[in-house]
Amino acid sequence: MSVWFDEYSIKPGEHIYDCIKSGMEEAPIILFWISKEFLSSDWCQEEMRLALEKKMNKFYLIDDDVNKSDLPKEIFDYKYINIKRLDSIESIASKILNCLE
């Protein structure tokens, strides 16, 4: 399975919004890593709106710096994976893979 990640998948000169929308529409799974930075980003909020609107298969990783009360009401009731900043990449990957089985 390939990974689409905006920082690597959007080439210079391409329209950012169109590329993100296209990448999300082609993806079998959308993974949102919700952090304080995510919550303050207009781009991230737009990506989340698109995923909710299209009813895409999505997973939420909630960083330990985010209180559940800070989550947008649209995702407040979804099951999510808690991620601690000190977790190893292997531990985070294992948590994600367990959800995909």
PDB file of N, CA and C in Angstrom:
ATOM      1  N   MET A   1       0.851  -1.176   0.000  1.00  0.00           N
ATOM      2  CA  MET A   1       0.000   0.000   0.000  1.00  0.00           C
ATOM      3  C   MET A   1       0.895   1.237   0.000  1.00  0.00           C
ATOM      4  N   SER A   2       0.633   2.168  -0.876  1.00  0.00           N
ATOM      5  CA  SER A   2       1.422   3.396  -0.927  1.00  0.00           C
ATOM      6  C   SER A   2       0.805   4.447  -0.003  1.00  0.00           C
ATOM      7  N   VAL A   3       1.608   5.420   0.352  1.00  0.00           N
ATOM      8  CA  VAL A   3       1.172   6.491   1.246  1.00  0.00           C
ATOM      9  C   VAL A   3       1.195   7.798   0.474  1.00  0.00           C
ATOM     10  N   TRP A   4       0.102   8.556   0.578  1.00  0.00           N
ATOM     11  CA  TRP A   4       0.037   9.886  -0.019  1.00  0.00           C
ATOM     12  C   TRP A   4       0.201  10.864   1.132  1.00  0.00           C
ATOM     13  N   PHE A   5       1.213  11.703   1.056  1.00  0.00           N
ATOM     14  CA  PHE A   5       1.491  12.684   2.108  1.00  0.00           C
ATOM     15  C   PHE A   5       1.775  13.999   1.411  1.00  0.00           C
ATOM     16  N   ASP A   6       1.025  15.028   1.769  1.00  0.00           N
ATOM     17  CA  ASP A   6       1.087  16.287   1.028  1.00  0.00           C
ATOM     18  C   ASP A   6       2.488  16.850   0.858  1.00  0.00           C
ATOM     19  N   GLU A   7       3.314  16.761   1.886  1.00  0.00           N
ATOM     20  CA  GLU A   7       4.652  17.345   1.785  1.00  0.00           C
ATOM     21  C   GLU A   7       5.495  16.695   0.689  1.00  0.00           C
ATOM     22  N   TYR A   8       5.213  15.436   0.383  1.00  0.00           N
ATOM     23  CA  TYR A   8       5.999  14.709  -0.616  1.00  0.00           C
ATOM     24  C   TYR A   8       5.231  14.464  -1.907  1.00  0.00           C
ATOM     25  N   SER A   9       3.905  14.534  -1.837  1.00  0.00           N
ATOM     26  CA  SER A   9       3.081  14.156  -2.989  1.00  0.00           C
ATOM     27  C   SER A   9       2.654  15.333  -3.862  1.00  0.00           C
ATOM     28  N   ILE A  10       2.756  16.546  -3.361  1.00  0.00           N
ATOM     29  CA  ILE A  10       2.391  17.723  -4.147  1.00  0.00           C
ATOM     30  C   ILE A  10       3.664  18.330  -4.715  1.00  0.00           C
ATOM     31  N   LYS A  11       3.693  18.433  -6.016  1.00  0.00           N
ATOM     32  CA  LYS A  11       4.878  18.954  -6.710  1.00  0.00           C
ATOM     33  C   LYS A  11       4.784  20.482  -6.852  1.00  0.00           C
ATOM     34  N   PRO A  12       5.931  21.158  -6.929  1.00  0.00           N
ATOM     35  CA  PRO A  12       5.913  22.598  -7.156  1.00  0.00           C
ATOM     36  C   PRO A  12       5.090  22.940  -8.401  1.00  0.00           C
ATOM     37  N   GLY A  13       4.251  23.947  -8.282  1.00  0.00           N
ATOM     38  CA  GLY A  13       3.420  24.389  -9.399  1.00  0.00           C
ATOM     39  C   GLY A  13       2.039  23.758  -9.412  1.00  0.00           C
ATOM     40  N   GLU A  14       1.814  22.698  -8.618  1.00  0.00           N
ATOM     41  CA  GLU A  14       0.496  22.059  -8.578  1.00  0.00           C
ATOM     42  C   GLU A  14      -0.429  22.814  -7.625  1.00  0.00           C
ATOM     43  N   HIS A  15      -1.706  22.749  -7.920  1.00  0.00           N
ATOM     44  CA  HIS A  15      -2.715  23.408  -7.098  1.00  0.00           C
ATOM     45  C   HIS A  15      -2.928  22.587  -5.825  1.00  0.00           C
ATOM     46  N   ILE A  16      -2.609  23.178  -4.678  1.00  0.00           N
ATOM     47  CA  ILE A  16      -2.604  22.442  -3.412  1.00  0.00           C
ATOM     48  C   ILE A  16      -3.965  21.833  -3.095  1.00  0.00           C
ATOM     49  N   TYR A  17      -5.023  22.642  -3.132  1.00  0.00           N
ATOM     50  CA  TYR A  17      -6.355  22.147  -2.761  1.00  0.00           C
ATOM     51  C   TYR A  17      -6.786  20.997  -3.668  1.00  0.00           C
ATOM     52  N   ASP A  18      -6.585  21.152  -4.979  1.00  0.00           N
ATOM     53  CA  ASP A  18      -6.976  20.103  -5.921  1.00  0.00           C
ATOM     54  C   ASP A  18      -6.203  18.806  -5.668  1.00  0.00           C
ATOM     55  N   CYS A  19      -4.911  18.915  -5.375  1.00  0.00           N
ATOM     56  CA  CYS A  19      -4.093  17.733  -5.108  1.00  0.00           C
ATOM     57  C   CYS A  19      -4.533  17.033  -3.825  1.00  0.00           C
ATOM     58  N   ILE A  20      -4.810  17.816  -2.789  1.00  0.00           N
ATOM     59  CA  ILE A  20      -5.260  17.223  -1.522  1.00  0.00           C
ATOM     60  C   ILE A  20      -6.593  16.519  -1.719  1.00  0.00           C
ATOM     61  N   LYS A  21      -7.506  17.188  -2.382  1.00  0.00           N
ATOM     62  CA  LYS A  21      -8.832  16.600  -2.616  1.00  0.00           C
ATOM     63  C   LYS A  21      -8.709  15.313  -3.429  1.00  0.00           C
ATOM     64  N   SER A  22      -7.919  15.329  -4.478  1.00  0.00           N
ATOM     65  CA  SER A  22      -7.725  14.154  -5.321  1.00  0.00           C
ATOM     66  C   SER A  22      -7.060  13.027  -4.536  1.00  0.00           C
ATOM     67  N   GLY A  23      -6.040  13.361  -3.768  1.00  0.00           N
ATOM     68  CA  GLY A  23      -5.350  12.359  -2.956  1.00  0.00           C
ATOM     69  C   GLY A  23      -6.274  11.713  -1.948  1.00  0.00           C
ATOM     70  N   MET A  24      -7.142  12.501  -1.349  1.00  0.00           N
ATOM     71  CA  MET A  24      -8.085  11.965  -0.364  1.00  0.00           C
ATOM     72  C   MET A  24      -9.142  11.091  -1.029  1.00  0.00           C
ATOM     73  N   GLU A  25      -9.584  11.486  -2.204  1.00  0.00           N
ATOM     74  CA  GLU A  25     -10.617  10.706  -2.896  1.00  0.00           C
ATOM     75  C   GLU A  25     -10.091   9.350  -3.343  1.00  0.00           C
ATOM     76  N   GLU A  26      -8.805   9.263  -3.632  1.00  0.00           N
ATOM     77  CA  GLU A  26      -8.212   8.006  -4.086  1.00  0.00           C
ATOM     78  C   GLU A  26      -7.766   7.111  -2.937  1.00  0.00           C
ATOM     79  N   ALA A  27      -7.664   7.666  -1.753  1.00  0.00           N
ATOM     80  CA  ALA A  27      -7.136   6.910  -0.611  1.00  0.00           C
ATOM     81  C   ALA A  27      -8.184   5.966  -0.015  1.00  0.00           C
ATOM     82  N   PRO A  28      -7.786   4.726   0.276  1.00  0.00           N
ATOM     83  CA  PRO A  28      -8.722   3.811   0.930  1.00  0.00           C
ATOM     84  C   PRO A  28      -8.935   4.168   2.405  1.00  0.00           C
ATOM     85  N   ILE A  29      -7.945   4.836   3.007  1.00  0.00           N
ATOM     86  CA  ILE A  29      -7.999   5.217   4.419  1.00  0.00           C
ATOM     87  C   ILE A  29      -7.378   6.600   4.577  1.00  0.00           C
ATOM     88  N   ILE A  30      -8.006   7.421   5.387  1.00  0.00           N
ATOM     89  CA  ILE A  30      -7.455   8.738   5.731  1.00  0.00           C
ATOM     90  C   ILE A  30      -7.032   8.676   7.191  1.00  0.00           C
ATOM     91  N   LEU A  31      -5.826   9.119   7.473  1.00  0.00           N
ATOM     92  CA  LEU A  31      -5.298   9.107   8.829  1.00  0.00           C
ATOM     93  C   LEU A  31      -5.075  10.549   9.257  1.00  0.00           C
ATOM     94  N   PHE A  32      -5.770  10.958  10.304  1.00  0.00           N
ATOM     95  CA  PHE A  32      -5.599  12.307  10.845  1.00  0.00           C
ATOM     96  C   PHE A  32      -4.865  12.226  12.174  1.00  0.00           C
ATOM     97  N   TRP A  33      -3.736  12.906  12.266  1.00  0.00           N
ATOM     98  CA  TRP A  33      -2.987  13.004  13.520  1.00  0.00           C
ATOM     99  C   TRP A  33      -3.382  14.349  14.124  1.00  0.00           C
ATOM    100  N   ILE A  34      -4.259  14.294  15.115  1.00  0.00           N
ATOM    101  CA  ILE A  34      -4.809  15.518  15.708  1.00  0.00           C
ATOM    102  C   ILE A  34      -3.877  16.009  16.814  1.00  0.00           C
ATOM    103  N   SER A  35      -3.300  17.165  16.602  1.00  0.00           N
ATOM    104  CA  SER A  35      -2.431  17.821  17.586  1.00  0.00           C
ATOM    105  C   SER A  35      -2.937  19.254  17.743  1.00  0.00           C
ATOM    106  N   LYS A  36      -2.337  19.983  18.650  1.00  0.00           N
ATOM    107  CA  LYS A  36      -2.724  21.397  18.787  1.00  0.00           C
ATOM    108  C   LYS A  36      -2.445  22.149  17.482  1.00  0.00           C
ATOM    109  N   GLU A  37      -1.348  21.783  16.813  1.00  0.00           N
ATOM    110  CA  GLU A  37      -1.009  22.424  15.538  1.00  0.00           C
ATOM    111  C   GLU A  37      -2.071  22.097  14.484  1.00  0.00           C
ATOM    112  N   PHE A  38      -2.525  20.847  14.449  1.00  0.00           N
ATOM    113  CA  PHE A  38      -3.579  20.442  13.520  1.00  0.00           C
ATOM    114  C   PHE A  38      -4.836  21.273  13.755  1.00  0.00           C
ATOM    115  N   LEU A  39      -5.220  21.404  15.009  1.00  0.00           N
ATOM    116  CA  LEU A  39      -6.454  22.119  15.348  1.00  0.00           C
ATOM    117  C   LEU A  39      -6.392  23.606  14.984  1.00  0.00           C
ATOM    118  N   SER A  40      -5.185  24.162  14.917  1.00  0.00           N
ATOM    119  CA  SER A  40      -5.062  25.586  14.589  1.00  0.00           C
ATOM    120  C   SER A  40      -4.809  25.828  13.102  1.00  0.00           C
ATOM    121  N   SER A  41      -4.735  24.764  12.300  1.00  0.00           N
ATOM    122  CA  SER A  41      -4.432  24.887  10.872  1.00  0.00           C
ATOM    123  C   SER A  41      -5.704  24.915  10.027  1.00  0.00           C
ATOM    124  N   ASP A  42      -5.870  25.961   9.236  1.00  0.00           N
ATOM    125  CA  ASP A  42      -7.022  26.043   8.335  1.00  0.00           C
ATOM    126  C   ASP A  42      -6.992  24.913   7.302  1.00  0.00           C
ATOM    127  N   TRP A  43      -5.807  24.564   6.786  1.00  0.00           N
ATOM    128  CA  TRP A  43      -5.694  23.482   5.807  1.00  0.00           C
ATOM    129  C   TRP A  43      -6.156  22.164   6.411  1.00  0.00           C
ATOM    130  N   CYS A  44      -5.707  21.875   7.619  1.00  0.00           N
ATOM    131  CA  CYS A  44      -6.089  20.616   8.274  1.00  0.00           C
ATOM    132  C   CYS A  44      -7.590  20.565   8.524  1.00  0.00           C
ATOM    133  N   GLN A  45      -8.159  21.682   8.926  1.00  0.00           N
ATOM    134  CA  GLN A  45      -9.602  21.725   9.160  1.00  0.00           C
ATOM    135  C   GLN A  45     -10.369  21.467   7.861  1.00  0.00           C
ATOM    136  N   GLU A  46      -9.856  21.996   6.757  1.00  0.00           N
ATOM    137  CA  GLU A  46     -10.493  21.776   5.457  1.00  0.00           C
ATOM    138  C   GLU A  46     -10.383  20.309   5.038  1.00  0.00           C
ATOM    139  N   GLU A  47      -9.232  19.698   5.264  1.00  0.00           N
ATOM    140  CA  GLU A  47      -9.063  18.274   4.947  1.00  0.00           C
ATOM    141  C   GLU A  47     -10.040  17.428   5.758  1.00  0.00           C
ATOM    142  N   MET A  48     -10.194  17.749   7.033  1.00  0.00           N
ATOM    143  CA  MET A  48     -11.109  17.000   7.878  1.00  0.00           C
ATOM    144  C   MET A  48     -12.550  17.201   7.407  1.00  0.00           C
ATOM    145  N   ARG A  49     -12.892  18.409   7.021  1.00  0.00           N
ATOM    146  CA  ARG A  49     -14.242  18.683   6.516  1.00  0.00           C
ATOM    147  C   ARG A  49     -14.522  17.848   5.270  1.00  0.00           C
ATOM    148  N   LEU A  50     -13.551  17.788   4.350  1.00  0.00           N
ATOM    149  CA  LEU A  50     -13.709  16.981   3.133  1.00  0.00           C
ATOM    150  C   LEU A  50     -13.931  15.510   3.469  1.00  0.00           C
ATOM    151  N   ALA A  51     -13.150  14.983   4.382  1.00  0.00           N
ATOM    152  CA  ALA A  51     -13.264  13.563   4.749  1.00  0.00           C
ATOM    153  C   ALA A  51     -14.612  13.275   5.395  1.00  0.00           C
ATOM    154  N   LEU A  52     -15.087  14.175   6.234  1.00  0.00           N
ATOM    155  CA  LEU A  52     -16.389  13.971   6.882  1.00  0.00           C
ATOM    156  C   LEU A  52     -17.518  14.085   5.867  1.00  0.00           C
ATOM    157  N   GLU A  53     -17.403  15.050   4.966  1.00  0.00           N
ATOM    158  CA  GLU A  53     -18.424  15.274   3.946  1.00  0.00           C
ATOM    159  C   GLU A  53     -18.558  14.070   3.010  1.00  0.00           C
ATOM    160  N   LYS A  54     -17.429  13.476   2.644  1.00  0.00           N
ATOM    161  CA  LYS A  54     -17.419  12.349   1.704  1.00  0.00           C
ATOM    162  C   LYS A  54     -17.588  11.010   2.419  1.00  0.00           C
ATOM    163  N   LYS A  55     -17.694  11.027   3.737  1.00  0.00           N
ATOM    164  CA  LYS A  55     -17.853   9.807   4.530  1.00  0.00           C
ATOM    165  C   LYS A  55     -16.747   8.794   4.220  1.00  0.00           C
ATOM    166  N   MET A  56     -15.509   9.282   4.186  1.00  0.00           N
ATOM    167  CA  MET A  56     -14.353   8.442   3.896  1.00  0.00           C
ATOM    168  C   MET A  56     -13.983   7.601   5.110  1.00  0.00           C
ATOM    169  N   ASN A  57     -13.348   6.461   4.871  1.00  0.00           N
ATOM    170  CA  ASN A  57     -12.846   5.616   5.940  1.00  0.00           C
ATOM    171  C   ASN A  57     -11.674   6.352   6.587  1.00  0.00           C
ATOM    172  N   LYS A  58     -11.803   6.661   7.854  1.00  0.00           N
ATOM    173  CA  LYS A  58     -10.787   7.488   8.496  1.00  0.00           C
ATOM    174  C   LYS A  58     -10.467   7.001   9.903  1.00  0.00           C
ATOM    175  N   PHE A  59      -9.251   7.297  10.328  1.00  0.00           N
ATOM    176  CA  PHE A  59      -8.790   7.020  11.679  1.00  0.00           C
ATOM    177  C   PHE A  59      -8.274   8.321  12.262  1.00  0.00           C
ATOM    178  N   TYR A  60      -8.493   8.484  13.542  1.00  0.00           N
ATOM    179  CA  TYR A  60      -7.997   9.666  14.239  1.00  0.00           C
ATOM    180  C   TYR A  60      -6.954   9.254  15.258  1.00  0.00           C
ATOM    181  N   LEU A  61      -5.788   9.847  15.162  1.00  0.00           N
ATOM    182  CA  LEU A  61      -4.747   9.696  16.169  1.00  0.00           C
ATOM    183  C   LEU A  61      -4.753  10.986  16.966  1.00  0.00           C
ATOM    184  N   ILE A  62      -4.965  10.887  18.257  1.00  0.00           N
ATOM    185  CA  ILE A  62      -5.044  12.093  19.080  1.00  0.00           C
ATOM    186  C   ILE A  62      -3.765  12.209  19.902  1.00  0.00           C
ATOM    187  N   ASP A  63      -3.041  13.277  19.671  1.00  0.00           N
ATOM    188  CA  ASP A  63      -1.799  13.541  20.379  1.00  0.00           C
ATOM    189  C   ASP A  63      -2.104  13.805  21.850  1.00  0.00           C
ATOM    190  N   ASP A  64      -1.183  13.443  22.716  1.00  0.00           N
ATOM    191  CA  ASP A  64      -1.419  13.624  24.150  1.00  0.00           C
ATOM    192  C   ASP A  64      -1.443  15.083  24.586  1.00  0.00           C
ATOM    193  N   ASP A  65      -1.116  16.012  23.689  1.00  0.00           N
ATOM    194  CA  ASP A  65      -1.214  17.434  24.042  1.00  0.00           C
ATOM    195  C   ASP A  65      -2.611  18.012  23.795  1.00  0.00           C
ATOM    196  N   VAL A  66      -3.560  17.167  23.341  1.00  0.00           N
ATOM    197  CA  VAL A  66      -4.914  17.617  23.029  1.00  0.00           C
ATOM    198  C   VAL A  66      -5.893  17.043  24.048  1.00  0.00           C
ATOM    199  N   ASN A  67      -6.704  17.915  24.643  1.00  0.00           N
ATOM    200  CA  ASN A  67      -7.777  17.464  25.527  1.00  0.00           C
ATOM    201  C   ASN A  67      -8.976  17.082  24.671  1.00  0.00           C
ATOM    202  N   LYS A  68      -9.683  16.048  25.087  1.00  0.00           N
ATOM    203  CA  LYS A  68     -10.849  15.617  24.316  1.00  0.00           C
ATOM    204  C   LYS A  68     -11.836  16.773  24.144  1.00  0.00           C
ATOM    205  N   SER A  69     -11.932  17.644  25.116  1.00  0.00           N
ATOM    206  CA  SER A  69     -12.858  18.778  25.023  1.00  0.00           C
ATOM    207  C   SER A  69     -12.455  19.777  23.939  1.00  0.00           C
ATOM    208  N   ASP A  70     -11.203  19.702  23.461  1.00  0.00           N
ATOM    209  CA  ASP A  70     -10.724  20.594  22.392  1.00  0.00           C
ATOM    210  C   ASP A  70     -11.032  20.062  20.996  1.00  0.00           C
ATOM    211  N   LEU A  71     -11.483  18.804  20.909  1.00  0.00           N
ATOM    212  CA  LEU A  71     -11.759  18.206  19.601  1.00  0.00           C
ATOM    213  C   LEU A  71     -12.964  18.864  18.942  1.00  0.00           C
ATOM    214  N   PRO A  72     -12.937  18.996  17.622  1.00  0.00           N
ATOM    215  CA  PRO A  72     -14.100  19.519  16.911  1.00  0.00           C
ATOM    216  C   PRO A  72     -15.310  18.627  17.175  1.00  0.00           C
ATOM    217  N   LYS A  73     -16.477  19.231  17.269  1.00  0.00           N
ATOM    218  CA  LYS A  73     -17.680  18.467  17.598  1.00  0.00           C
ATOM    219  C   LYS A  73     -17.965  17.372  16.574  1.00  0.00           C
ATOM    220  N   GLU A  74     -17.509  17.554  15.333  1.00  0.00           N
ATOM    221  CA  GLU A  74     -17.745  16.568  14.279  1.00  0.00           C
ATOM    222  C   GLU A  74     -17.053  15.227  14.562  1.00  0.00           C
ATOM    223  N   ILE A  75     -15.967  15.254  15.329  1.00  0.00           N
ATOM    224  CA  ILE A  75     -15.251  13.998  15.597  1.00  0.00           C
ATOM    225  C   ILE A  75     -15.262  13.622  17.076  1.00  0.00           C
ATOM    226  N   PHE A  76     -15.919  14.394  17.884  1.00  0.00           N
ATOM    227  CA  PHE A  76     -15.904  14.188  19.339  1.00  0.00           C
ATOM    228  C   PHE A  76     -16.337  12.776  19.725  1.00  0.00           C
ATOM    229  N   ASP A  77     -17.303  12.204  19.031  1.00  0.00           N
ATOM    230  CA  ASP A  77     -17.844  10.895  19.397  1.00  0.00           C
ATOM    231  C   ASP A  77     -17.215   9.719  18.654  1.00  0.00           C
ATOM    232  N   TYR A  78     -16.186   9.962  17.850  1.00  0.00           N
ATOM    233  CA  TYR A  78     -15.521   8.877  17.141  1.00  0.00           C
ATOM    234  C   TYR A  78     -14.473   8.222  18.044  1.00  0.00           C
ATOM    235  N   LYS A  79     -14.314   6.922  17.893  1.00  0.00           N
ATOM    236  CA  LYS A  79     -13.242   6.208  18.583  1.00  0.00           C
ATOM    237  C   LYS A  79     -11.928   6.673  17.975  1.00  0.00           C
ATOM    238  N   TYR A  80     -10.932   6.861  18.800  1.00  0.00           N
ATOM    239  CA  TYR A  80      -9.644   7.327  18.311  1.00  0.00           C
ATOM    240  C   TYR A  80      -8.513   6.568  18.995  1.00  0.00           C
ATOM    241  N   ILE A  81      -7.312   6.750  18.467  1.00  0.00           N
ATOM    242  CA  ILE A  81      -6.113   6.138  19.021  1.00  0.00           C
ATOM    243  C   ILE A  81      -5.334   7.231  19.742  1.00  0.00           C
ATOM    244  N   ASN A  82      -5.045   6.999  21.013  1.00  0.00           N
ATOM    245  CA  ASN A  82      -4.245   7.952  21.779  1.00  0.00           C
ATOM    246  C   ASN A  82      -2.768   7.772  21.447  1.00  0.00           C
ATOM    247  N   ILE A  83      -2.091   8.847  21.137  1.00  0.00           N
ATOM    248  CA  ILE A  83      -0.669   8.818  20.811  1.00  0.00           C
ATOM    249  C   ILE A  83       0.069   9.711  21.807  1.00  0.00           C
ATOM    250  N   LYS A  84       1.112   9.181  22.369  1.00  0.00           N
ATOM    251  CA  LYS A  84       1.951   9.977  23.269  1.00  0.00           C
ATOM    252  C   LYS A  84       3.187  10.425  22.497  1.00  0.00           C
ATOM    253  N   ARG A  85       3.598  11.620  22.725  1.00  0.00           N
ATOM    254  CA  ARG A  85       4.761  12.148  22.003  1.00  0.00           C
ATOM    255  C   ARG A  85       6.010  11.305  22.230  1.00  0.00           C
ATOM    256  N   LEU A  86       6.079  10.599  23.335  1.00  0.00           N
ATOM    257  CA  LEU A  86       7.251   9.766  23.620  1.00  0.00           C
ATOM    258  C   LEU A  86       7.133   8.365  23.040  1.00  0.00           C
ATOM    259  N   ASP A  87       5.972   8.033  22.422  1.00  0.00           N
ATOM    260  CA  ASP A  87       5.816   6.721  21.791  1.00  0.00           C
ATOM    261  C   ASP A  87       6.815   6.581  20.648  1.00  0.00           C
ATOM    262  N   SER A  88       7.342   5.392  20.485  1.00  0.00           N
ATOM    263  CA  SER A  88       8.243   5.130  19.361  1.00  0.00           C
ATOM    264  C   SER A  88       7.416   5.013  18.081  1.00  0.00           C
ATOM    265  N   ILE A  89       8.064   5.195  16.964  1.00  0.00           N
ATOM    266  CA  ILE A  89       7.405   5.022  15.662  1.00  0.00           C
ATOM    267  C   ILE A  89       6.853   3.608  15.564  1.00  0.00           C
ATOM    268  N   GLU A  90       7.595   2.639  16.047  1.00  0.00           N
ATOM    269  CA  GLU A  90       7.145   1.242  15.998  1.00  0.00           C
ATOM    270  C   GLU A  90       5.857   1.051  16.795  1.00  0.00           C
ATOM    271  N   SER A  91       5.780   1.670  17.960  1.00  0.00           N
ATOM    272  CA  SER A  91       4.591   1.568  18.807  1.00  0.00           C
ATOM    273  C   SER A  91       3.381   2.214  18.122  1.00  0.00           C
ATOM    274  N   ILE A  92       3.584   3.366  17.531  1.00  0.00           N
ATOM    275  CA  ILE A  92       2.502   4.057  16.826  1.00  0.00           C
ATOM    276  C   ILE A  92       2.051   3.224  15.629  1.00  0.00           C
ATOM    277  N   ALA A  93       3.013   2.712  14.855  1.00  0.00           N
ATOM    278  CA  ALA A  93       2.670   1.881  13.690  1.00  0.00           C
ATOM    279  C   ALA A  93       1.906   0.641  14.121  1.00  0.00           C
ATOM    280  N   SER A  94       2.292   0.049  15.215  1.00  0.00           N
ATOM    281  CA  SER A  94       1.598  -1.142  15.719  1.00  0.00           C
ATOM    282  C   SER A  94       0.150  -0.821  16.082  1.00  0.00           C
ATOM    283  N   LYS A  95      -0.065   0.326  16.724  1.00  0.00           N
ATOM    284  CA  LYS A  95      -1.432   0.735  17.075  1.00  0.00           C
ATOM    285  C   LYS A  95      -2.283   0.934  15.815  1.00  0.00           C
ATOM    286  N   ILE A  96      -1.696   1.526  14.808  1.00  0.00           N
ATOM    287  CA  ILE A  96      -2.432   1.754  13.550  1.00  0.00           C
ATOM    288  C   ILE A  96      -2.713   0.414  12.869  1.00  0.00           C
ATOM    289  N   LEU A  97      -1.716  -0.433  12.763  1.00  0.00           N
ATOM    290  CA  LEU A  97      -1.888  -1.730  12.096  1.00  0.00           C
ATOM    291  C   LEU A  97      -2.942  -2.593  12.800  1.00  0.00           C
ATOM    292  N   ASN A  98      -3.000  -2.538  14.125  1.00  0.00           N
ATOM    293  CA  ASN A  98      -4.019  -3.285  14.854  1.00  0.00           C
ATOM    294  C   ASN A  98      -5.425  -2.858  14.465  1.00  0.00           C
ATOM    295  N   CYS A  99      -5.595  -1.590  14.145  1.00  0.00           N
ATOM    296  CA  CYS A  99      -6.913  -1.081  13.734  1.00  0.00           C
ATOM    297  C   CYS A  99      -7.279  -1.506  12.312  1.00  0.00           C
ATOM    298  N   LEU A 100      -6.292  -1.774  11.504  1.00  0.00           N
ATOM    299  CA  LEU A 100      -6.525  -2.120  10.106  1.00  0.00           C
ATOM    300  C   LEU A 100      -6.818  -3.600   9.894  1.00  0.00           C
ATOM    301  N   GLU A 101      -6.554  -4.404  10.904  1.00  0.00           N
ATOM    302  CA  GLU A 101      -6.768  -5.855  10.757  1.00  0.00           C
ATOM    303  C   GLU A 101      -8.211  -6.221  10.836  1.00  0.00           C
TER     304      GLU A 101
END
